N, C-alpha and C. Protein backbone atom coordinates (compact mmCIF):
# COMPACT_ATOMS: atom_id res chain seq x y z
N MET A 1 56.57 84.84 90.56
CA MET A 1 56.18 85.41 89.88
C MET A 1 54.50 84.59 89.99
N ILE A 2 54.90 83.34 90.65
CA ILE A 2 53.28 82.74 90.63
C ILE A 2 52.37 83.18 91.79
N SER A 3 53.30 83.70 92.73
CA SER A 3 52.41 84.73 93.71
C SER A 3 51.73 85.95 93.48
N ALA A 4 52.41 86.70 92.35
CA ALA A 4 52.04 87.68 92.04
C ALA A 4 50.70 87.36 91.04
N LEU A 5 50.49 86.40 90.16
CA LEU A 5 49.41 86.18 89.70
C LEU A 5 48.16 85.60 90.49
N ARG A 6 48.75 85.13 91.63
CA ARG A 6 47.36 84.67 92.68
C ARG A 6 46.98 85.71 93.15
N ILE A 7 47.92 86.75 93.28
CA ILE A 7 47.24 88.37 94.00
C ILE A 7 46.46 88.70 92.91
N ILE A 8 47.24 88.80 91.86
CA ILE A 8 46.33 89.55 90.64
C ILE A 8 44.67 88.67 90.85
N PHE A 9 45.03 87.50 90.95
CA PHE A 9 43.64 86.37 90.97
C PHE A 9 42.54 86.98 91.83
N PHE A 10 43.35 86.92 92.84
CA PHE A 10 42.17 87.36 94.09
C PHE A 10 41.94 89.06 93.80
N LEU A 11 42.42 89.68 93.66
CA LEU A 11 41.94 91.14 93.54
C LEU A 11 40.91 91.18 92.61
N SER A 12 41.36 90.59 91.36
CA SER A 12 40.30 90.57 90.16
C SER A 12 39.27 90.11 90.32
N LEU A 13 39.36 88.78 90.96
CA LEU A 13 38.06 87.72 91.34
C LEU A 13 36.94 88.73 92.32
N GLY A 14 37.71 89.47 93.10
CA GLY A 14 37.23 90.35 94.15
C GLY A 14 36.31 91.54 93.81
N PHE A 15 36.73 92.41 92.78
CA PHE A 15 36.25 93.23 92.12
C PHE A 15 35.00 92.79 91.03
N ILE A 16 35.07 91.92 90.45
CA ILE A 16 34.13 91.04 89.53
C ILE A 16 32.93 90.59 90.59
N LEU A 17 33.69 90.42 91.94
CA LEU A 17 31.91 89.45 92.18
C LEU A 17 31.40 90.75 93.23
N LEU A 18 32.39 91.78 93.37
CA LEU A 18 31.63 93.06 93.73
C LEU A 18 30.64 93.81 92.75
N LEU A 19 31.30 93.79 91.33
CA LEU A 19 29.97 94.05 90.32
C LEU A 19 28.93 93.28 89.95
N ILE A 20 29.42 92.11 90.54
CA ILE A 20 27.65 91.07 90.60
C ILE A 20 26.87 91.49 91.62
N GLU A 21 27.54 92.27 92.38
CA GLU A 21 26.93 92.31 93.77
C GLU A 21 26.11 93.63 93.53
N LEU A 22 26.55 93.86 92.66
CA LEU A 22 26.03 95.46 92.77
C LEU A 22 24.90 95.19 91.65
N LEU A 23 25.09 94.69 90.80
CA LEU A 23 23.84 94.20 89.49
C LEU A 23 23.00 93.22 90.06
N THR A 24 22.78 92.64 91.62
CA THR A 24 21.61 92.13 92.28
C THR A 24 20.83 92.60 93.33
N PRO A 25 19.73 92.47 93.55
CA PRO A 25 19.20 92.94 94.92
C PRO A 25 19.76 92.50 96.20
N GLY A 26 19.96 93.30 96.85
CA GLY A 26 20.42 92.72 98.89
C GLY A 26 21.85 92.68 98.16
N PHE A 27 22.37 92.45 99.54
CA PHE A 27 23.53 92.08 99.90
C PHE A 27 24.13 90.86 100.62
N GLY A 28 24.90 90.20 99.45
CA GLY A 28 24.52 88.55 99.86
C GLY A 28 25.81 88.14 99.87
N LEU A 29 26.04 86.75 99.12
CA LEU A 29 26.94 85.60 99.30
C LEU A 29 28.20 86.59 98.10
N PRO A 30 27.96 86.97 96.73
CA PRO A 30 29.23 87.58 95.92
C PRO A 30 29.70 89.11 96.69
N GLY A 31 28.78 89.98 97.29
CA GLY A 31 29.53 90.75 97.87
C GLY A 31 30.31 90.61 98.99
N ILE A 32 30.06 89.67 100.03
CA ILE A 32 30.34 89.26 101.02
C ILE A 32 32.04 88.57 100.54
N SER A 33 31.97 87.72 99.60
CA SER A 33 32.63 87.06 99.25
C SER A 33 33.79 88.10 97.99
N GLY A 34 33.15 88.93 97.55
CA GLY A 34 34.11 90.12 97.00
C GLY A 34 35.00 90.75 97.76
N ILE A 35 34.46 90.98 98.56
CA ILE A 35 35.45 91.68 99.90
C ILE A 35 36.31 91.34 100.89
N ALA A 36 35.78 89.40 100.65
CA ALA A 36 37.00 88.70 101.44
C ALA A 36 38.28 88.29 100.33
N PHE A 37 37.90 88.44 99.05
CA PHE A 37 38.83 88.14 98.22
C PHE A 37 39.70 89.14 97.96
N ILE A 38 39.02 90.41 98.14
CA ILE A 38 40.55 91.61 97.90
C ILE A 38 41.11 91.79 99.32
N ILE A 39 40.54 91.37 100.40
CA ILE A 39 41.01 91.38 101.74
C ILE A 39 42.47 90.27 101.63
N ILE A 40 41.83 89.14 100.94
CA ILE A 40 42.98 88.28 100.67
C ILE A 40 44.13 88.47 99.97
N GLY A 41 43.70 89.07 98.69
CA GLY A 41 44.81 89.62 97.71
C GLY A 41 45.41 90.58 98.46
N CYS A 42 44.72 91.64 99.25
CA CYS A 42 45.92 92.66 99.81
C CYS A 42 46.58 91.77 100.60
N PHE A 43 46.02 90.73 101.58
CA PHE A 43 46.98 90.34 102.92
C PHE A 43 48.55 89.20 101.83
N LEU A 44 47.66 88.63 100.81
CA LEU A 44 48.99 88.15 99.94
C LEU A 44 50.01 88.97 99.30
N ALA A 45 49.54 90.27 99.08
CA ALA A 45 50.80 91.22 98.80
C ALA A 45 51.48 91.72 99.34
N ALA A 46 50.65 92.07 101.12
CA ALA A 46 51.78 92.56 102.08
C ALA A 46 52.49 91.44 102.54
N LYS A 47 52.19 90.14 102.34
CA LYS A 47 53.41 88.97 102.31
C LYS A 47 54.51 89.10 102.04
N GLN A 48 54.23 89.62 100.72
CA GLN A 48 55.25 89.21 99.61
C GLN A 48 56.40 90.76 100.32
N SER A 49 55.60 91.77 100.79
CA SER A 49 56.48 93.00 101.09
C SER A 49 55.11 94.32 101.81
N LEU A 50 55.53 94.72 102.55
CA LEU A 50 54.95 95.69 103.11
C LEU A 50 54.78 96.65 102.10
N LEU A 51 55.48 97.26 101.43
CA LEU A 51 55.43 97.81 100.57
C LEU A 51 54.23 97.66 99.21
N TRP A 52 54.15 96.46 98.73
CA TRP A 52 53.29 95.86 97.84
C TRP A 52 52.24 95.43 98.59
N GLY A 53 51.67 95.53 99.80
CA GLY A 53 50.79 95.61 100.48
C GLY A 53 50.14 96.57 100.42
N THR A 54 50.72 97.70 101.13
CA THR A 54 50.13 98.98 101.02
C THR A 54 49.83 99.44 99.40
N ILE A 55 50.64 98.90 98.43
CA ILE A 55 50.06 99.47 97.20
C ILE A 55 48.94 98.86 96.68
N ALA A 56 48.86 97.56 97.06
CA ALA A 56 47.62 96.32 96.64
C ALA A 56 46.37 97.34 97.39
N LEU A 57 46.73 97.46 98.61
CA LEU A 57 45.26 98.25 99.67
C LEU A 57 44.92 99.32 98.76
N LEU A 58 45.97 100.65 98.66
CA LEU A 58 45.63 101.59 97.97
C LEU A 58 45.01 101.84 96.61
N THR A 59 45.50 100.94 95.83
CA THR A 59 44.97 100.62 94.51
C THR A 59 43.60 99.78 94.45
N SER A 60 43.39 99.50 95.41
CA SER A 60 41.96 98.81 95.89
C SER A 60 40.98 100.08 95.72
N LEU A 61 41.56 100.55 97.13
CA LEU A 61 40.95 101.65 97.62
C LEU A 61 40.30 102.38 96.30
N PHE A 62 41.31 102.92 95.84
CA PHE A 62 41.06 103.91 94.52
C PHE A 62 40.52 102.93 93.64
N ILE A 63 40.60 101.82 93.32
CA ILE A 63 39.06 101.27 91.83
C ILE A 63 37.95 101.26 92.48
N VAL A 64 38.07 101.27 93.84
CA VAL A 64 36.35 101.16 94.27
C VAL A 64 35.82 102.63 94.27
N ILE A 65 36.69 103.31 94.35
CA ILE A 65 36.19 104.82 94.92
C ILE A 65 35.92 105.50 93.21
N LEU A 66 37.17 104.86 92.12
CA LEU A 66 36.76 105.36 91.17
C LEU A 66 35.26 104.97 90.22
N PHE A 67 35.46 103.55 90.48
CA PHE A 67 34.18 102.81 90.05
C PHE A 67 32.92 103.35 90.69
N PHE A 68 32.59 103.58 91.84
CA PHE A 68 31.47 104.45 92.15
C PHE A 68 31.30 105.70 91.84
N LYS A 69 32.39 106.58 91.46
CA LYS A 69 32.25 107.90 90.91
C LYS A 69 31.95 107.85 89.83
N PHE A 70 32.32 106.92 88.65
CA PHE A 70 31.98 107.02 87.13
C PHE A 70 30.74 106.06 86.97
N LEU A 71 30.24 105.37 88.03
CA LEU A 71 28.93 104.58 87.96
C LEU A 71 27.78 105.20 87.99
N GLU A 72 27.78 106.17 89.06
CA GLU A 72 26.60 107.12 89.20
C GLU A 72 26.57 108.13 88.26
N LYS A 73 27.15 107.93 87.05
CA LYS A 73 26.88 109.01 86.13
C LYS A 73 26.61 108.02 84.90
N SER A 74 26.59 106.91 84.87
CA SER A 74 26.34 106.14 83.84
C SER A 74 24.88 105.65 83.38
N LEU A 75 24.73 105.36 82.53
CA LEU A 75 23.64 104.96 81.57
C LEU A 75 23.08 103.49 82.70
N LEU A 76 24.16 102.57 83.15
CA LEU A 76 23.49 101.42 83.81
C LEU A 76 23.09 101.71 85.46
N TRP A 77 23.61 102.65 85.82
CA TRP A 77 23.39 103.19 87.05
C TRP A 77 21.61 103.82 86.66
N ARG A 78 21.57 104.50 86.06
CA ARG A 78 20.21 104.95 85.94
C ARG A 78 19.33 104.34 85.66
N LYS A 79 19.63 103.05 85.27
CA LYS A 79 18.51 101.72 84.63
C LYS A 79 18.43 101.34 86.17
N ILE A 80 19.18 100.44 86.55
CA ILE A 80 19.17 100.28 88.47
C ILE A 80 18.68 100.88 89.58
N ARG A 81 18.51 102.17 89.16
CA ARG A 81 18.41 103.22 90.21
C ARG A 81 17.20 103.77 90.30
N LEU A 82 16.16 103.97 91.62
CA LEU A 82 14.90 104.54 90.74
C LEU A 82 15.01 105.84 91.36
N ASP A 83 14.68 106.71 90.41
CA ASP A 83 14.48 107.95 90.54
C ASP A 83 13.51 109.07 90.96
N THR A 84 12.62 108.30 90.53
CA THR A 84 10.96 108.60 90.72
C THR A 84 10.64 109.20 92.16
N LYS A 85 9.73 110.21 92.30
CA LYS A 85 9.39 110.44 93.38
C LYS A 85 7.90 110.33 93.54
N GLU A 86 7.16 110.09 94.41
CA GLU A 86 5.73 110.23 94.74
C GLU A 86 5.62 111.69 95.59
N ASP A 87 5.53 112.77 95.02
CA ASP A 87 5.25 113.69 96.20
C ASP A 87 3.91 114.26 95.79
N LYS A 88 3.38 115.11 96.82
CA LYS A 88 2.17 115.84 97.24
C LYS A 88 1.55 116.72 95.97
N LYS A 89 2.78 117.86 95.54
CA LYS A 89 2.39 118.15 94.88
C LYS A 89 1.77 117.48 93.06
N GLU A 90 2.71 116.34 93.27
CA GLU A 90 2.03 115.79 91.74
C GLU A 90 0.95 114.89 91.88
N GLY A 91 0.21 114.99 93.17
CA GLY A 91 -0.90 114.03 93.16
C GLY A 91 -1.28 113.12 94.38
N PHE A 92 0.22 112.41 94.78
CA PHE A 92 0.51 111.59 95.16
C PHE A 92 0.22 111.38 96.90
N SER A 93 -0.32 110.45 97.88
CA SER A 93 -0.45 110.52 98.99
C SER A 93 -0.65 109.32 99.55
N SER A 94 -0.18 109.34 100.86
CA SER A 94 -0.39 107.72 101.34
C SER A 94 -1.54 107.36 102.04
N SER A 95 -2.25 108.45 101.78
CA SER A 95 -3.75 108.13 102.68
C SER A 95 -4.49 109.14 102.07
N GLU A 96 -6.12 109.08 102.34
CA GLU A 96 -7.18 109.91 101.71
C GLU A 96 -7.01 111.16 102.48
N ASP A 97 -6.80 112.52 101.99
CA ASP A 97 -6.89 113.59 102.62
C ASP A 97 -8.49 113.98 103.35
N LEU A 98 -8.28 113.89 104.91
CA LEU A 98 -9.73 113.85 105.31
C LEU A 98 -9.61 115.35 106.13
N SER A 99 -9.11 116.14 105.56
CA SER A 99 -9.41 117.77 106.31
C SER A 99 -10.34 118.27 106.28
N TYR A 100 -10.89 118.04 105.16
CA TYR A 100 -12.55 118.38 104.75
C TYR A 100 -13.87 117.99 106.12
N LEU A 101 -13.40 117.12 107.24
CA LEU A 101 -14.28 116.36 107.76
C LEU A 101 -14.13 116.90 108.81
N ILE A 102 -12.74 118.23 109.02
CA ILE A 102 -12.80 118.82 110.71
C ILE A 102 -14.17 119.45 110.51
N ASP A 103 -14.58 119.15 112.07
CA ASP A 103 -16.08 120.23 112.76
C ASP A 103 -17.54 119.41 111.46
N ARG A 104 -17.36 118.43 111.15
CA ARG A 104 -18.56 117.86 110.49
C ARG A 104 -18.69 117.05 112.19
N THR A 105 -20.36 116.40 112.11
CA THR A 105 -20.72 115.68 112.91
C THR A 105 -21.36 114.71 112.59
N GLY A 106 -21.58 113.30 113.25
CA GLY A 106 -21.79 112.25 112.75
C GLY A 106 -22.11 111.00 113.94
N ILE A 107 -22.39 109.88 114.07
CA ILE A 107 -22.83 109.13 114.82
C ILE A 107 -22.17 108.04 114.77
N SER A 108 -21.61 107.62 116.39
CA SER A 108 -20.86 106.47 116.64
C SER A 108 -21.44 104.94 116.15
N LEU A 109 -21.09 104.38 115.24
CA LEU A 109 -21.72 103.03 114.74
C LEU A 109 -20.96 102.03 116.03
N THR A 110 -19.87 101.88 116.98
CA THR A 110 -19.49 101.10 117.46
C THR A 110 -18.66 101.75 118.88
N VAL A 111 -18.92 100.86 120.37
CA VAL A 111 -18.31 102.07 121.19
C VAL A 111 -16.94 102.43 120.60
N LEU A 112 -16.57 103.64 120.92
CA LEU A 112 -15.44 104.20 120.95
C LEU A 112 -14.46 103.89 122.24
N ARG A 113 -13.76 103.03 122.41
CA ARG A 113 -12.83 102.87 123.07
C ARG A 113 -11.46 102.60 122.98
N PRO A 114 -10.39 103.55 122.85
CA PRO A 114 -10.98 104.55 122.23
C PRO A 114 -11.05 104.63 120.71
N SER A 115 -10.93 103.51 120.02
CA SER A 115 -11.10 103.30 118.69
C SER A 115 -12.30 102.97 118.04
N GLY A 116 -13.11 103.32 117.14
CA GLY A 116 -14.15 102.43 116.79
C GLY A 116 -14.40 103.22 115.25
N ILE A 117 -15.46 102.84 114.93
CA ILE A 117 -16.00 103.21 113.54
C ILE A 117 -17.28 104.25 113.63
N VAL A 118 -17.27 105.30 113.17
CA VAL A 118 -17.98 106.30 113.10
C VAL A 118 -18.86 106.55 111.47
N LEU A 119 -19.79 107.20 111.42
CA LEU A 119 -20.80 107.16 110.50
C LEU A 119 -20.63 109.05 110.49
N ILE A 120 -20.34 109.29 109.26
CA ILE A 120 -20.26 110.55 108.83
C ILE A 120 -20.54 110.72 107.70
N ASP A 121 -21.79 111.54 107.02
CA ASP A 121 -22.16 112.13 105.82
C ASP A 121 -22.34 110.43 105.17
N GLY A 122 -22.98 109.66 105.67
CA GLY A 122 -22.91 108.04 105.09
C GLY A 122 -21.96 107.33 104.61
N ARG A 123 -20.57 107.80 105.19
CA ARG A 123 -19.41 106.98 104.89
C ARG A 123 -19.05 106.75 106.20
N ARG A 124 -18.42 105.41 106.49
CA ARG A 124 -17.83 104.83 107.81
C ARG A 124 -16.71 105.12 107.75
N PHE A 125 -15.94 105.46 108.85
CA PHE A 125 -14.41 105.94 109.03
C PHE A 125 -14.06 105.18 110.22
N ASN A 126 -12.91 104.79 110.45
CA ASN A 126 -12.16 104.53 111.87
C ASN A 126 -11.97 105.69 112.51
N ALA A 127 -11.69 106.07 113.72
CA ALA A 127 -11.53 107.20 114.08
C ALA A 127 -11.30 106.72 115.60
N ILE A 128 -10.60 108.03 116.49
CA ILE A 128 -10.39 107.66 117.98
C ILE A 128 -10.93 108.52 118.94
N THR A 129 -10.87 108.78 119.70
CA THR A 129 -11.05 109.76 121.01
C THR A 129 -10.02 110.30 121.42
N GLU A 130 -10.50 111.57 122.17
CA GLU A 130 -9.02 111.94 122.60
C GLU A 130 -8.92 111.55 123.85
N GLY A 131 -9.42 109.93 124.50
CA GLY A 131 -9.13 109.29 125.80
C GLY A 131 -10.62 108.93 126.10
N ARG A 132 -11.74 109.81 126.13
CA ARG A 132 -12.77 109.50 126.66
C ARG A 132 -13.67 108.26 125.92
N PHE A 133 -14.70 107.54 126.46
CA PHE A 133 -14.83 106.01 125.71
C PHE A 133 -16.35 106.92 125.28
N ILE A 134 -16.93 106.66 124.06
CA ILE A 134 -18.29 106.99 123.70
C ILE A 134 -18.82 105.92 122.93
N GLU A 135 -19.76 106.02 123.84
CA GLU A 135 -20.80 104.63 123.83
C GLU A 135 -21.55 104.97 122.02
N LYS A 136 -22.36 103.46 121.91
CA LYS A 136 -22.39 103.56 120.33
C LYS A 136 -23.65 104.28 120.57
N ASP A 137 -23.93 104.42 118.93
CA ASP A 137 -25.18 105.65 118.58
C ASP A 137 -25.38 107.18 119.46
N LYS A 138 -23.97 107.85 119.52
CA LYS A 138 -23.76 108.86 120.61
C LYS A 138 -23.52 109.80 119.29
N LYS A 139 -23.91 110.99 118.87
CA LYS A 139 -23.40 112.12 118.48
C LYS A 139 -22.15 112.50 118.48
N ILE A 140 -21.06 112.48 117.34
CA ILE A 140 -19.94 112.84 118.02
C ILE A 140 -19.27 113.84 116.56
N ARG A 141 -18.05 114.51 116.73
CA ARG A 141 -17.94 115.85 116.17
C ARG A 141 -16.22 115.70 116.10
N VAL A 142 -16.03 115.72 114.42
CA VAL A 142 -14.35 115.46 114.26
C VAL A 142 -13.78 116.86 114.40
N ILE A 143 -13.04 116.53 115.80
CA ILE A 143 -12.16 117.67 116.27
C ILE A 143 -10.59 118.16 115.64
N ARG A 144 -10.42 117.00 114.98
CA ARG A 144 -9.08 116.99 114.12
C ARG A 144 -8.19 116.09 113.30
N ILE A 145 -7.64 116.02 112.68
CA ILE A 145 -7.10 115.27 111.68
C ILE A 145 -5.16 114.90 111.71
N GLU A 146 -5.16 114.10 112.43
CA GLU A 146 -3.62 113.86 112.35
C GLU A 146 -3.13 112.70 111.33
N GLY A 147 -2.54 113.22 109.91
CA GLY A 147 -2.21 112.37 108.96
C GLY A 147 -3.29 111.34 108.77
N ASN A 148 -3.54 110.31 109.07
CA ASN A 148 -4.94 109.28 108.82
C ASN A 148 -5.82 108.82 109.94
N LYS A 149 -5.58 109.31 110.80
CA LYS A 149 -6.15 109.39 112.09
C LYS A 149 -7.17 110.52 112.14
N MET A 150 -8.16 109.86 112.57
CA MET A 150 -9.40 111.07 112.73
C MET A 150 -9.75 110.76 113.89
N VAL A 151 -9.33 112.31 114.52
CA VAL A 151 -10.04 112.07 116.16
C VAL A 151 -11.35 112.92 116.66
N VAL A 152 -12.14 112.36 117.35
CA VAL A 152 -13.45 112.78 117.28
C VAL A 152 -13.63 112.84 118.90
N ARG A 153 -14.68 113.81 119.35
CA ARG A 153 -15.20 113.82 120.61
C ARG A 153 -16.92 113.98 120.41
N GLU A 154 -17.43 113.37 121.67
CA GLU A 154 -18.78 113.37 121.53
C GLU A 154 -19.85 114.69 121.88
N GLU A 155 -20.24 114.83 121.06
CA GLU A 155 -21.01 115.78 120.91
C GLU A 155 -22.43 116.28 121.75
N VAL A 156 -22.15 117.30 122.68
CA VAL A 156 -22.99 117.69 123.76
C VAL A 156 -24.11 118.21 123.03
N VAL A 157 -25.79 117.39 123.40
CA VAL A 157 -26.48 118.07 122.53
C VAL A 157 -27.29 119.16 123.93
């Protein structure tokens, strides 16, 4: 009887610690301890008999699966989970759209070897070359935009 209470105690404590871990950010001491207590509870049940060990293990797995199945539909899950997205169609962008600068000309403010600063339409931009160095105060042309990188080429006059 006492060993059965000990098994129930370890399994219950393990599930409580896993629940605490779920409500706190990261994976730390409560989660590791919860898993350890569940394993200890299953091991103690298996020491009683292989049947009880198997029942404890399968019941624990079933409870964990059931818990996560119902949790994702609960109000608590909606409160702790981030559902919003920052989509481009909603106006969010990780960087400024510089595609309007393609084929524009400007001046190199620094030596571009291969990166540096250029001046286009009165604004300073970080830019890179296709591989060739460009001296300071040379006329440049924007040839392409790759994400937030501006690729320029020296404009031959």
